[in-house]
């Protein structure tokens, strides 16, 4: 059982790390008419952590940047995103959550298969 727990935590850590890379992968900058240049602050601010409480494991991907609250207009849920950011390839929170859930389920199923054989 301890082996399953260790493998599960490792899988969750891998999924969270990939989630961090996923959300920080930005499309090429196209909005150049304003003269705005990306600073990379938000991209560098994404991080993840995995924690355990009792028999529960948690993974969290987030940003520690003070501009993160405004990021909902670019990478937020479908109803929050500003129109001009919707079709240019920005990854969003909904996609991140679905991707992480699907990836973890696949990993966990493999862990359980190995445990019972």
PDB file of N, CA and C in Angstrom:
ATOM      1  N   UNK A   1       0.812  -1.192   0.000  1.00  0.00           N
ATOM      2  CA  UNK A   1       0.000   0.000   0.000  1.00  0.00           C
ATOM      3  C   UNK A   1       0.862   1.265   0.000  1.00  0.00           C
ATOM      4  N   UNK A   2       1.979   1.221   0.733  1.00  0.00           N
ATOM      5  CA  UNK A   2       2.881   2.381   0.775  1.00  0.00           C
ATOM      6  C   UNK A   2       3.478   2.657  -0.598  1.00  0.00           C
ATOM      7  N   UNK A   3       3.735   1.592  -1.347  1.00  0.00           N
ATOM      8  CA  UNK A   3       4.259   1.743  -2.719  1.00  0.00           C
ATOM      9  C   UNK A   3       3.238   2.462  -3.597  1.00  0.00           C
ATOM     10  N   UNK A   4       1.975   2.122  -3.473  1.00  0.00           N
ATOM     11  CA  UNK A   4       0.918   2.775  -4.259  1.00  0.00           C
ATOM     12  C   UNK A   4       0.839   4.250  -3.903  1.00  0.00           C
ATOM     13  N   UNK A   5       0.930   4.539  -2.616  1.00  0.00           N
ATOM     14  CA  UNK A   5       0.875   5.944  -2.179  1.00  0.00           C
ATOM     15  C   UNK A   5       2.054   6.735  -2.742  1.00  0.00           C
ATOM     16  N   UNK A   6       3.253   6.168  -2.690  1.00  0.00           N
ATOM     17  CA  UNK A   6       4.438   6.850  -3.212  1.00  0.00           C
ATOM     18  C   UNK A   6       4.332   7.056  -4.724  1.00  0.00           C
ATOM     19  N   UNK A   7       3.890   6.038  -5.438  1.00  0.00           N
ATOM     20  CA  UNK A   7       3.731   6.162  -6.893  1.00  0.00           C
ATOM     21  C   UNK A   7       2.648   7.174  -7.246  1.00  0.00           C
ATOM     22  N   UNK A   8       1.584   7.199  -6.448  1.00  0.00           N
ATOM     23  CA  UNK A   8       0.500   8.154  -6.693  1.00  0.00           C
ATOM     24  C   UNK A   8       0.980   9.581  -6.491  1.00  0.00           C
ATOM     25  N   UNK A   9       1.747   9.802  -5.434  1.00  0.00           N
ATOM     26  CA  UNK A   9       2.275  11.150  -5.191  1.00  0.00           C
ATOM     27  C   UNK A   9       3.234  11.555  -6.308  1.00  0.00           C
ATOM     28  N   UNK A  10       4.053  10.633  -6.769  1.00  0.00           N
ATOM     29  CA  UNK A  10       4.976  10.913  -7.867  1.00  0.00           C
ATOM     30  C   UNK A  10       4.204  11.250  -9.145  1.00  0.00           C
ATOM     31  N   UNK A  11       3.152  10.489  -9.418  1.00  0.00           N
ATOM     32  CA  UNK A  11       2.332  10.753 -10.608  1.00  0.00           C
ATOM     33  C   UNK A  11       1.649  12.111 -10.513  1.00  0.00           C
ATOM     34  N   UNK A  12       1.128  12.435  -9.341  1.00  0.00           N
ATOM     35  CA  UNK A  12       0.464  13.725  -9.149  1.00  0.00           C
ATOM     36  C   UNK A  12       1.461  14.874  -9.309  1.00  0.00           C
ATOM     37  N   UNK A  13       2.669  14.683  -8.815  1.00  0.00           N
ATOM     38  CA  UNK A  13       3.723  15.694  -8.978  1.00  0.00           C
ATOM     39  C   UNK A  13       4.048  15.896 -10.458  1.00  0.00           C
ATOM     40  N   UNK A  14       4.157  14.808 -11.202  1.00  0.00           N
ATOM     41  CA  UNK A  14       4.431  14.906 -12.639  1.00  0.00           C
ATOM     42  C   UNK A  14       3.302  15.617 -13.376  1.00  0.00           C
ATOM     43  N   UNK A  15       2.068  15.297 -13.023  1.00  0.00           N
ATOM     44  CA  UNK A  15       0.911  15.930 -13.661  1.00  0.00           C
ATOM     45  C   UNK A  15       0.877  17.422 -13.340  1.00  0.00           C
ATOM     46  N   UNK A  16       1.157  17.784 -12.098  1.00  0.00           N
ATOM     47  CA  UNK A  16       1.158  19.203 -11.707  1.00  0.00           C
ATOM     48  C   UNK A  16       2.282  19.955 -12.412  1.00  0.00           C
ATOM     49  N   UNK A  17       3.450  19.346 -12.527  1.00  0.00           N
ATOM     50  CA  UNK A  17       4.575  19.995 -13.221  1.00  0.00           C
ATOM     51  C   UNK A  17       4.233  20.220 -14.688  1.00  0.00           C
ATOM     52  N   UNK A  18       3.602  19.238 -15.309  1.00  0.00           N
ATOM     53  CA  UNK A  18       3.190  19.415 -16.705  1.00  0.00           C
ATOM     54  C   UNK A  18       2.095  20.473 -16.804  1.00  0.00           C
ATOM     55  N   UNK A  19       1.219  20.538 -15.809  1.00  0.00           N
ATOM     56  CA  UNK A  19       0.191  21.579 -15.785  1.00  0.00           C
ATOM     57  C   UNK A  19       0.806  22.969 -15.726  1.00  0.00           C
ATOM     58  N   UNK A  20       1.846  23.109 -14.923  1.00  0.00           N
ATOM     59  CA  UNK A  20       2.548  24.396 -14.832  1.00  0.00           C
ATOM     60  C   UNK A  20       3.151  24.761 -16.187  1.00  0.00           C
ATOM     61  N   UNK A  21       3.810  23.797 -16.819  1.00  0.00           N
ATOM     62  CA  UNK A  21       4.405  24.068 -18.135  1.00  0.00           C
ATOM     63  C   UNK A  21       3.317  24.416 -19.147  1.00  0.00           C
ATOM     64  N   UNK A  22       2.186  23.720 -19.082  1.00  0.00           N
ATOM     65  CA  UNK A  22       1.078  23.934 -20.009  1.00  0.00           C
ATOM     66  C   UNK A  22       0.534  25.361 -19.908  1.00  0.00           C
ATOM     67  N   UNK A  23       0.248  25.821 -18.709  1.00  0.00           N
ATOM     68  CA  UNK A  23      -0.388  27.129 -18.531  1.00  0.00           C
ATOM     69  C   UNK A  23       0.603  28.260 -18.816  1.00  0.00           C
ATOM     70  N   UNK A  24       1.899  28.006 -18.690  1.00  0.00           N
ATOM     71  CA  UNK A  24       2.902  29.047 -18.932  1.00  0.00           C
ATOM     72  C   UNK A  24       3.388  29.084 -20.381  1.00  0.00           C
ATOM     73  N   UNK A  25       2.866  28.209 -21.223  1.00  0.00           N
ATOM     74  CA  UNK A  25       3.243  28.196 -22.645  1.00  0.00           C
ATOM     75  C   UNK A  25       2.340  29.173 -23.380  1.00  0.00           C
ATOM     76  N   UNK A  26       2.891  30.294 -23.758  1.00  0.00           N
ATOM     77  CA  UNK A  26       2.089  31.356 -24.364  1.00  0.00           C
ATOM     78  C   UNK A  26       2.261  31.375 -25.874  1.00  0.00           C
ATOM     79  N   UNK A  27       1.216  31.789 -26.588  1.00  0.00           N
ATOM     80  CA  UNK A  27       1.329  31.918 -28.045  1.00  0.00           C
ATOM     81  C   UNK A  27       2.237  33.096 -28.393  1.00  0.00           C
ATOM     82  N   UNK A  28       2.717  33.144 -29.619  1.00  0.00           N
ATOM     83  CA  UNK A  28       3.532  34.292 -30.031  1.00  0.00           C
ATOM     84  C   UNK A  28       2.746  35.594 -29.873  1.00  0.00           C
ATOM     85  N   UNK A  29       3.436  36.644 -29.525  1.00  0.00           N
ATOM     86  CA  UNK A  29       2.775  37.935 -29.341  1.00  0.00           C
ATOM     87  C   UNK A  29       2.356  38.489 -30.691  1.00  0.00           C
ATOM     88  N   UNK A  30       1.076  38.852 -30.799  1.00  0.00           N
ATOM     89  CA  UNK A  30       0.548  39.393 -32.051  1.00  0.00           C
ATOM     90  C   UNK A  30       0.029  40.815 -31.887  1.00  0.00           C
ATOM     91  N   UNK A  31      -0.244  41.223 -30.682  1.00  0.00           N
ATOM     92  CA  UNK A  31      -0.866  42.518 -30.441  1.00  0.00           C
ATOM     93  C   UNK A  31       0.209  43.606 -30.366  1.00  0.00           C
ATOM     94  N   UNK A  32       0.756  43.960 -31.505  1.00  0.00           N
ATOM     95  CA  UNK A  32       1.878  44.894 -31.508  1.00  0.00           C
ATOM     96  C   UNK A  32       1.472  46.333 -31.818  1.00  0.00           C
ATOM     97  N   UNK A  33       0.248  46.592 -32.210  1.00  0.00           N
ATOM     98  CA  UNK A  33      -0.178  47.948 -32.553  1.00  0.00           C
ATOM     99  C   UNK A  33      -0.057  48.903 -31.370  1.00  0.00           C
ATOM    100  N   UNK A  34      -0.215  48.401 -30.179  1.00  0.00           N
ATOM    101  CA  UNK A  34      -0.162  49.257 -28.985  1.00  0.00           C
ATOM    102  C   UNK A  34       1.265  49.541 -28.539  1.00  0.00           C
ATOM    103  N   UNK A  35       2.214  48.794 -29.055  1.00  0.00           N
ATOM    104  CA  UNK A  35       3.591  48.950 -28.618  1.00  0.00           C
ATOM    105  C   UNK A  35       3.913  48.153 -27.362  1.00  0.00           C
ATOM    106  N   UNK A  36       2.927  47.422 -26.846  1.00  0.00           N
ATOM    107  CA  UNK A  36       3.132  46.639 -25.627  1.00  0.00           C
ATOM    108  C   UNK A  36       4.085  45.488 -25.890  1.00  0.00           C
ATOM    109  N   UNK A  37       5.003  45.283 -25.005  1.00  0.00           N
ATOM    110  CA  UNK A  37       5.908  44.137 -25.050  1.00  0.00           C
ATOM    111  C   UNK A  37       5.716  43.339 -23.769  1.00  0.00           C
ATOM    112  N   UNK A  38       5.590  42.050 -23.924  1.00  0.00           N
ATOM    113  CA  UNK A  38       5.450  41.192 -22.749  1.00  0.00           C
ATOM    114  C   UNK A  38       6.702  41.255 -21.893  1.00  0.00           C
ATOM    115  N   UNK A  39       6.476  41.236 -20.588  1.00  0.00           N
ATOM    116  CA  UNK A  39       7.608  41.264 -19.652  1.00  0.00           C
ATOM    117  C   UNK A  39       8.031  39.863 -19.242  1.00  0.00           C
ATOM    118  N   UNK A  40       7.136  38.912 -19.342  1.00  0.00           N
ATOM    119  CA  UNK A  40       7.423  37.548 -18.913  1.00  0.00           C
ATOM    120  C   UNK A  40       7.186  37.329 -17.421  1.00  0.00           C
ATOM    121  N   UNK A  41       6.735  38.372 -16.714  1.00  0.00           N
ATOM    122  CA  UNK A  41       6.524  38.266 -15.274  1.00  0.00           C
ATOM    123  C   UNK A  41       5.500  37.193 -14.938  1.00  0.00           C
ATOM    124  N   UNK A  42       4.352  37.222 -15.601  1.00  0.00           N
ATOM    125  CA  UNK A  42       3.314  36.236 -15.312  1.00  0.00           C
ATOM    126  C   UNK A  42       3.794  34.832 -15.671  1.00  0.00           C
ATOM    127  N   UNK A  43       4.429  34.695 -16.810  1.00  0.00           N
ATOM    128  CA  UNK A  43       4.913  33.386 -17.238  1.00  0.00           C
ATOM    129  C   UNK A  43       5.853  32.779 -16.199  1.00  0.00           C
ATOM    130  N   UNK A  44       6.746  33.598 -15.675  1.00  0.00           N
ATOM    131  CA  UNK A  44       7.705  33.105 -14.675  1.00  0.00           C
ATOM    132  C   UNK A  44       7.059  32.864 -13.309  1.00  0.00           C
ATOM    133  N   UNK A  45       5.888  33.425 -13.088  1.00  0.00           N
ATOM    134  CA  UNK A  45       5.265  33.328 -11.767  1.00  0.00           C
ATOM    135  C   UNK A  45       4.488  32.032 -11.542  1.00  0.00           C
ATOM    136  N   UNK A  46       4.218  31.261 -12.603  1.00  0.00           N
ATOM    137  CA  UNK A  46       3.456  30.028 -12.425  1.00  0.00           C
ATOM    138  C   UNK A  46       4.281  29.008 -11.650  1.00  0.00           C
ATOM    139  N   UNK A  47       3.635  28.338 -10.715  1.00  0.00           N
ATOM    140  CA  UNK A  47       4.305  27.307  -9.919  1.00  0.00           C
ATOM    141  C   UNK A  47       3.296  26.223  -9.578  1.00  0.00           C
ATOM    142  N   UNK A  48       3.782  25.167  -8.964  1.00  0.00           N
ATOM    143  CA  UNK A  48       2.883  24.105  -8.513  1.00  0.00           C
ATOM    144  C   UNK A  48       3.360  23.591  -7.174  1.00  0.00           C
ATOM    145  N   UNK A  49       2.430  22.978  -6.452  1.00  0.00           N
ATOM    146  CA  UNK A  49       2.804  22.286  -5.220  1.00  0.00           C
ATOM    147  C   UNK A  49       1.901  21.078  -5.045  1.00  0.00           C
ATOM    148  N   UNK A  50       2.457  20.072  -4.446  1.00  0.00           N
ATOM    149  CA  UNK A  50       1.725  18.851  -4.119  1.00  0.00           C
ATOM    150  C   UNK A  50       1.837  18.671  -2.619  1.00  0.00           C
ATOM    151  N   UNK A  51       0.710  18.416  -1.983  1.00  0.00           N
ATOM    152  CA  UNK A  51       0.725  18.238  -0.531  1.00  0.00           C
ATOM    153  C   UNK A  51      -0.144  17.037  -0.152  1.00  0.00           C
ATOM    154  N   UNK A  52       0.086  16.544   1.039  1.00  0.00           N
ATOM    155  CA  UNK A  52      -0.663  15.400   1.545  1.00  0.00           C
ATOM    156  C   UNK A  52      -1.222  15.738   2.916  1.00  0.00           C
ATOM    157  N   UNK A  53      -2.468  15.353   3.126  1.00  0.00           N
ATOM    158  CA  UNK A  53      -3.113  15.481   4.425  1.00  0.00           C
ATOM    159  C   UNK A  53      -3.818  14.161   4.692  1.00  0.00           C
ATOM    160  N   UNK A  54      -3.295  13.403   5.632  1.00  0.00           N
ATOM    161  CA  UNK A  54      -3.858  12.082   5.889  1.00  0.00           C
ATOM    162  C   UNK A  54      -3.706  11.212   4.660  1.00  0.00           C
ATOM    163  N   UNK A  55      -4.815  10.662   4.194  1.00  0.00           N
ATOM    164  CA  UNK A  55      -4.803   9.831   2.989  1.00  0.00           C
ATOM    165  C   UNK A  55      -5.134  10.614   1.728  1.00  0.00           C
ATOM    166  N   UNK A  56      -5.193  11.918   1.822  1.00  0.00           N
ATOM    167  CA  UNK A  56      -5.555  12.755   0.671  1.00  0.00           C
ATOM    168  C   UNK A  56      -4.315  13.437   0.108  1.00  0.00           C
ATOM    169  N   UNK A  57      -4.242  13.464  -1.219  1.00  0.00           N
ATOM    170  CA  UNK A  57      -3.185  14.184  -1.925  1.00  0.00           C
ATOM    171  C   UNK A  57      -3.815  15.341  -2.687  1.00  0.00           C
ATOM    172  N   UNK A  58      -3.119  16.465  -2.718  1.00  0.00           N
ATOM    173  CA  UNK A  58      -3.614  17.652  -3.400  1.00  0.00           C
ATOM    174  C   UNK A  58      -2.529  18.188  -4.327  1.00  0.00           C
ATOM    175  N   UNK A  59      -2.929  18.661  -5.499  1.00  0.00           N
ATOM    176  CA  UNK A  59      -2.016  19.347  -6.411  1.00  0.00           C
ATOM    177  C   UNK A  59      -2.625  20.699  -6.738  1.00  0.00           C
ATOM    178  N   UNK A  60      -1.777  21.708  -6.737  1.00  0.00           N
ATOM    179  CA  UNK A  60      -2.248  23.058  -7.028  1.00  0.00           C
ATOM    180  C   UNK A  60      -1.264  23.721  -7.981  1.00  0.00           C
ATOM    181  N   UNK A  61      -1.809  24.304  -9.051  1.00  0.00           N
ATOM    182  CA  UNK A  61      -1.018  25.098  -9.983  1.00  0.00           C
ATOM    183  C   UNK A  61      -1.538  26.516  -9.842  1.00  0.00           C
ATOM    184  N   UNK A  62      -0.631  27.464  -9.625  1.00  0.00           N
ATOM    185  CA  UNK A  62      -1.066  28.841  -9.439  1.00  0.00           C
ATOM    186  C   UNK A  62       0.031  29.826  -9.753  1.00  0.00           C
ATOM    187  N   UNK A  63      -0.300  31.088  -9.580  1.00  0.00           N
ATOM    188  CA  UNK A  63       0.634  32.168  -9.849  1.00  0.00           C
ATOM    189  C   UNK A  63       0.778  33.027  -8.606  1.00  0.00           C
ATOM    190  N   UNK A  64       2.007  33.429  -8.325  1.00  0.00           N
ATOM    191  CA  UNK A  64       2.229  34.309  -7.186  1.00  0.00           C
ATOM    192  C   UNK A  64       2.409  35.760  -7.632  1.00  0.00           C
ATOM    193  N   UNK A  65       2.077  36.040  -8.869  1.00  0.00           N
ATOM    194  CA  UNK A  65       2.254  37.383  -9.417  1.00  0.00           C
ATOM    195  C   UNK A  65       1.099  38.293  -9.008  1.00  0.00           C
ATOM    196  N   UNK A  66       1.409  39.549  -8.770  1.00  0.00           N
ATOM    197  CA  UNK A  66       0.341  40.490  -8.423  1.00  0.00           C
ATOM    198  C   UNK A  66      -0.504  40.855  -9.640  1.00  0.00           C
ATOM    199  N   UNK A  67      -0.100  40.418 -10.834  1.00  0.00           N
ATOM    200  CA  UNK A  67      -0.935  40.659 -12.006  1.00  0.00           C
ATOM    201  C   UNK A  67      -1.837  39.463 -12.312  1.00  0.00           C
ATOM    202  N   UNK A  68      -1.678  38.390 -11.574  1.00  0.00           N
ATOM    203  CA  UNK A  68      -2.480  37.191 -11.820  1.00  0.00           C
ATOM    204  C   UNK A  68      -3.985  37.432 -11.740  1.00  0.00           C
ATOM    205  N   UNK A  69      -4.500  38.271 -10.818  1.00  0.00           N
ATOM    206  CA  UNK A  69      -5.955  38.484 -10.805  1.00  0.00           C
ATOM    207  C   UNK A  69      -6.496  39.042 -12.125  1.00  0.00           C
ATOM    208  N   UNK A  70      -5.693  39.801 -12.844  1.00  0.00           N
ATOM    209  CA  UNK A  70      -6.133  40.351 -14.128  1.00  0.00           C
ATOM    210  C   UNK A  70      -6.017  39.335 -15.244  1.00  0.00           C
ATOM    211  N   UNK A  71      -5.281  38.270 -14.995  1.00  0.00           N
ATOM    212  CA  UNK A  71      -5.060  37.261 -16.012  1.00  0.00           C
ATOM    213  C   UNK A  71      -6.333  36.517 -16.384  1.00  0.00           C
ATOM    214  N   UNK A  72      -7.375  36.629 -15.572  1.00  0.00           N
ATOM    215  CA  UNK A  72      -8.624  35.949 -15.906  1.00  0.00           C
ATOM    216  C   UNK A  72      -9.185  36.439 -17.240  1.00  0.00           C
ATOM    217  N   UNK A  73      -8.803  37.647 -17.648  1.00  0.00           N
ATOM    218  CA  UNK A  73      -9.292  38.175 -18.918  1.00  0.00           C
ATOM    219  C   UNK A  73      -8.592  37.533 -20.110  1.00  0.00           C
ATOM    220  N   UNK A  74      -7.442  36.912 -19.859  1.00  0.00           N
ATOM    221  CA  UNK A  74      -6.687  36.241 -20.911  1.00  0.00           C
ATOM    222  C   UNK A  74      -6.816  34.727 -20.788  1.00  0.00           C
ATOM    223  N   UNK A  75      -6.608  34.181 -19.579  1.00  0.00           N
ATOM    224  CA  UNK A  75      -6.578  32.741 -19.386  1.00  0.00           C
ATOM    225  C   UNK A  75      -7.693  32.226 -18.478  1.00  0.00           C
ATOM    226  N   UNK A  76      -8.684  33.043 -18.201  1.00  0.00           N
ATOM    227  CA  UNK A  76      -9.748  32.637 -17.298  1.00  0.00           C
ATOM    228  C   UNK A  76     -10.763  31.717 -17.942  1.00  0.00           C
ATOM    229  N   UNK A  77     -11.847  31.523 -17.248  1.00  0.00           N
ATOM    230  CA  UNK A  77     -12.922  30.676 -17.759  1.00  0.00           C
ATOM    231  C   UNK A  77     -13.545  31.322 -18.989  1.00  0.00           C
ATOM    232  N   UNK A  78     -14.258  30.535 -19.766  1.00  0.00           N
ATOM    233  CA  UNK A  78     -14.798  30.979 -21.048  1.00  0.00           C
ATOM    234  C   UNK A  78     -15.552  32.305 -20.955  1.00  0.00           C
ATOM    235  N   UNK A  79     -16.387  32.504 -19.977  1.00  0.00           N
ATOM    236  CA  UNK A  79     -17.174  33.724 -19.868  1.00  0.00           C
ATOM    237  C   UNK A  79     -16.386  34.945 -19.440  1.00  0.00           C
ATOM    238  N   UNK A  80     -15.192  34.757 -18.883  1.00  0.00           N
ATOM    239  CA  UNK A  80     -14.389  35.870 -18.383  1.00  0.00           C
ATOM    240  C   UNK A  80     -13.421  36.426 -19.422  1.00  0.00           C
ATOM    241  N   UNK A  81     -13.002  35.587 -20.361  1.00  0.00           N
ATOM    242  CA  UNK A  81     -11.952  35.996 -21.290  1.00  0.00           C
ATOM    243  C   UNK A  81     -12.426  37.084 -22.246  1.00  0.00           C
ATOM    244  N   UNK A  82     -11.590  38.067 -22.451  1.00  0.00           N
ATOM    245  CA  UNK A  82     -11.871  39.146 -23.378  1.00  0.00           C
ATOM    246  C   UNK A  82     -11.804  38.583 -24.793  1.00  0.00           C
ATOM    247  N   UNK A  83     -12.708  39.014 -25.650  1.00  0.00           N
ATOM    248  CA  UNK A  83     -12.849  38.459 -26.997  1.00  0.00           C
ATOM    249  C   UNK A  83     -11.525  38.383 -27.759  1.00  0.00           C
ATOM    250  N   UNK A  84     -10.727  39.438 -27.691  1.00  0.00           N
ATOM    251  CA  UNK A  84      -9.509  39.460 -28.515  1.00  0.00           C
ATOM    252  C   UNK A  84      -8.494  38.396 -28.106  1.00  0.00           C
ATOM    253  N   UNK A  85      -8.641  37.802 -26.924  1.00  0.00           N
ATOM    254  CA  UNK A  85      -7.706  36.765 -26.491  1.00  0.00           C
ATOM    255  C   UNK A  85      -8.238  35.354 -26.742  1.00  0.00           C
ATOM    256  N   UNK A  86      -9.487  35.222 -27.149  1.00  0.00           N
ATOM    257  CA  UNK A  86     -10.091  33.896 -27.242  1.00  0.00           C
ATOM    258  C   UNK A  86      -9.588  33.074 -28.412  1.00  0.00           C
ATOM    259  N   UNK A  87      -9.253  33.702 -29.515  1.00  0.00           N
ATOM    260  CA  UNK A  87      -8.900  32.925 -30.693  1.00  0.00           C
ATOM    261  C   UNK A  87      -7.419  32.908 -31.026  1.00  0.00           C
ATOM    262  N   UNK A  88      -6.553  33.349 -30.137  1.00  0.00           N
ATOM    263  CA  UNK A  88      -5.139  33.444 -30.486  1.00  0.00           C
ATOM    264  C   UNK A  88      -4.279  32.356 -29.858  1.00  0.00           C
ATOM    265  N   UNK A  89      -4.878  31.396 -29.181  1.00  0.00           N
ATOM    266  CA  UNK A  89      -4.118  30.256 -28.694  1.00  0.00           C
ATOM    267  C   UNK A  89      -3.721  30.273 -27.234  1.00  0.00           C
ATOM    268  N   UNK A  90      -4.248  31.199 -26.443  1.00  0.00           N
ATOM    269  CA  UNK A  90      -3.930  31.212 -25.014  1.00  0.00           C
ATOM    270  C   UNK A  90      -4.537  29.993 -24.346  1.00  0.00           C
ATOM    271  N   UNK A  91      -3.756  29.330 -23.524  1.00  0.00           N
ATOM    272  CA  UNK A  91      -4.271  28.231 -22.715  1.00  0.00           C
ATOM    273  C   UNK A  91      -5.098  28.841 -21.592  1.00  0.00           C
ATOM    274  N   UNK A  92      -6.154  28.158 -21.185  1.00  0.00           N
ATOM    275  CA  UNK A  92      -6.950  28.726 -20.097  1.00  0.00           C
ATOM    276  C   UNK A  92      -7.091  27.745 -18.948  1.00  0.00           C
ATOM    277  N   UNK A  93      -7.649  28.240 -17.869  1.00  0.00           N
ATOM    278  CA  UNK A  93      -7.773  27.475 -16.633  1.00  0.00           C
ATOM    279  C   UNK A  93      -8.642  26.237 -16.834  1.00  0.00           C
ATOM    280  N   UNK A  94      -9.737  26.370 -17.595  1.00  0.00           N
ATOM    281  CA  UNK A  94     -10.608  25.215 -17.848  1.00  0.00           C
ATOM    282  C   UNK A  94      -9.826  24.096 -18.533  1.00  0.00           C
ATOM    283  N   UNK A  95      -9.053  24.460 -19.557  1.00  0.00           N
ATOM    284  CA  UNK A  95      -8.259  23.462 -20.269  1.00  0.00           C
ATOM    285  C   UNK A  95      -7.235  22.813 -19.344  1.00  0.00           C
ATOM    286  N   UNK A  96      -6.624  23.625 -18.498  1.00  0.00           N
ATOM    287  CA  UNK A  96      -5.635  23.116 -17.555  1.00  0.00           C
ATOM    288  C   UNK A  96      -6.253  22.090 -16.615  1.00  0.00           C
ATOM    289  N   UNK A  97      -7.400  22.411 -16.045  1.00  0.00           N
ATOM    290  CA  UNK A  97      -8.051  21.507 -15.106  1.00  0.00           C
ATOM    291  C   UNK A  97      -8.424  20.191 -15.783  1.00  0.00           C
ATOM    292  N   UNK A  98      -9.019  20.252 -16.957  1.00  0.00           N
ATOM    293  CA  UNK A  98      -9.408  19.032 -17.670  1.00  0.00           C
ATOM    294  C   UNK A  98      -8.190  18.193 -18.033  1.00  0.00           C
ATOM    295  N   UNK A  99      -7.136  18.862 -18.507  1.00  0.00           N
ATOM    296  CA  UNK A  99      -5.924  18.157 -18.886  1.00  0.00           C
ATOM    297  C   UNK A  99      -5.321  17.432 -17.685  1.00  0.00           C
ATOM    298  N   UNK A 100      -5.213  18.144 -16.547  1.00  0.00           N
ATOM    299  CA  UNK A 100      -4.618  17.538 -15.355  1.00  0.00           C
ATOM    300  C   UNK A 100      -5.460  16.375 -14.846  1.00  0.00           C
ATOM    301  N   UNK A 101      -6.779  16.537 -14.833  1.00  0.00           N
ATOM    302  CA  UNK A 101      -7.649  15.446 -14.385  1.00  0.00           C
ATOM    303  C   UNK A 101      -7.489  14.224 -15.273  1.00  0.00           C
ATOM    304  N   UNK A 102      -7.529  14.414 -16.588  1.00  0.00           N
ATOM    305  CA  UNK A 102      -7.399  13.288 -17.518  1.00  0.00           C
ATOM    306  C   UNK A 102      -6.045  12.606 -17.386  1.00  0.00           C
ATOM    307  N   UNK A 103      -4.985  13.398 -17.301  1.00  0.00           N
ATOM    308  CA  UNK A 103      -3.645  12.821 -17.175  1.00  0.00           C
ATOM    309  C   UNK A 103      -3.495  12.039 -15.875  1.00  0.00           C
ATOM    310  N   UNK A 104      -4.030  12.587 -14.792  1.00  0.00           N
ATOM    311  CA  UNK A 104      -3.891  11.887 -13.514  1.00  0.00           C
ATOM    312  C   UNK A 104      -4.695  10.592 -13.502  1.00  0.00           C
ATOM    313  N   UNK A 105      -5.895  10.611 -14.053  1.00  0.00           N
ATOM    314  CA  UNK A 105      -6.713   9.391 -14.091  1.00  0.00           C
ATOM    315  C   UNK A 105      -5.969   8.288 -14.846  1.00  0.00           C
ATOM    316  N   UNK A 106      -5.365   8.628 -15.977  1.00  0.00           N
ATOM    317  CA  UNK A 106      -4.601   7.636 -16.745  1.00  0.00           C
ATOM    318  C   UNK A 106      -3.445   7.073 -15.917  1.00  0.00           C
ATOM    319  N   UNK A 107      -2.693   7.962 -15.270  1.00  0.00           N
ATOM    320  CA  UNK A 107      -1.564   7.533 -14.435  1.00  0.00           C
ATOM    321  C   UNK A 107      -2.027   6.659 -13.275  1.00  0.00           C
ATOM    322  N   UNK A 108      -3.098   7.071 -12.620  1.00  0.00           N
ATOM    323  CA  UNK A 108      -3.593   6.336 -11.452  1.00  0.00           C
ATOM    324  C   UNK A 108      -4.111   4.959 -11.844  1.00  0.00           C
ATOM    325  N   UNK A 109      -4.779   4.861 -12.983  1.00  0.00           N
ATOM    326  CA  UNK A 109      -5.242   3.550 -13.456  1.00  0.00           C
ATOM    327  C   UNK A 109      -4.065   2.604 -13.672  1.00  0.00           C
ATOM    328  N   UNK A 110      -2.973   3.118 -14.222  1.00  0.00           N
ATOM    329  CA  UNK A 110      -1.778   2.289 -14.425  1.00  0.00           C
ATOM    330  C   UNK A 110      -1.181   1.850 -13.090  1.00  0.00           C
ATOM    331  N   UNK A 111      -1.159   2.755 -12.129  1.00  0.00           N
ATOM    332  CA  UNK A 111      -0.641   2.419 -10.794  1.00  0.00           C
ATOM    333  C   UNK A 111      -1.469   1.306 -10.180  1.00  0.00           C
ATOM    334  N   UNK A 112      -2.783   1.408 -10.277  1.00  0.00           N
ATOM    335  CA  UNK A 112      -3.652   0.382  -9.701  1.00  0.00           C
ATOM    336  C   UNK A 112      -3.507  -0.953 -10.425  1.00  0.00           C
ATOM    337  N   UNK A 113      -3.374  -0.915 -11.748  1.00  0.00           N
ATOM    338  CA  UNK A 113      -3.168  -2.157 -12.499  1.00  0.00           C
ATOM    339  C   UNK A 113      -1.889  -2.871 -12.043  1.00  0.00           C
ATOM    340  N   UNK A 114      -0.824  -2.094 -11.865  1.00  0.00           N
ATOM    341  CA  UNK A 114       0.444  -2.700 -11.416  1.00  0.00           C
ATOM    342  C   UNK A 114       0.309  -3.257  -9.991  1.00  0.00           C
ATOM    343  N   UNK A 115      -0.468  -2.590  -9.161  1.00  0.00           N
ATOM    344  CA  UNK A 115      -0.614  -3.018  -7.768  1.00  0.00           C
ATOM    345  C   UNK A 115      -1.364  -4.333  -7.637  1.00  0.00           C
ATOM    346  N   UNK A 116      -2.282  -4.602  -8.534  1.00  0.00           N
ATOM    347  CA  UNK A 116      -3.086  -5.829  -8.416  1.00  0.00           C
ATOM    348  C   UNK A 116      -2.502  -7.002  -9.187  1.00  0.00           C
ATOM    349  N   UNK A 117      -1.461  -6.765  -9.951  1.00  0.00           N
ATOM    350  CA  UNK A 117      -0.868  -7.878 -10.710  1.00  0.00           C
ATOM    351  C   UNK A 117       0.360  -8.399 -10.017  1.00  0.00           C
TER     352      UNK A 117
END
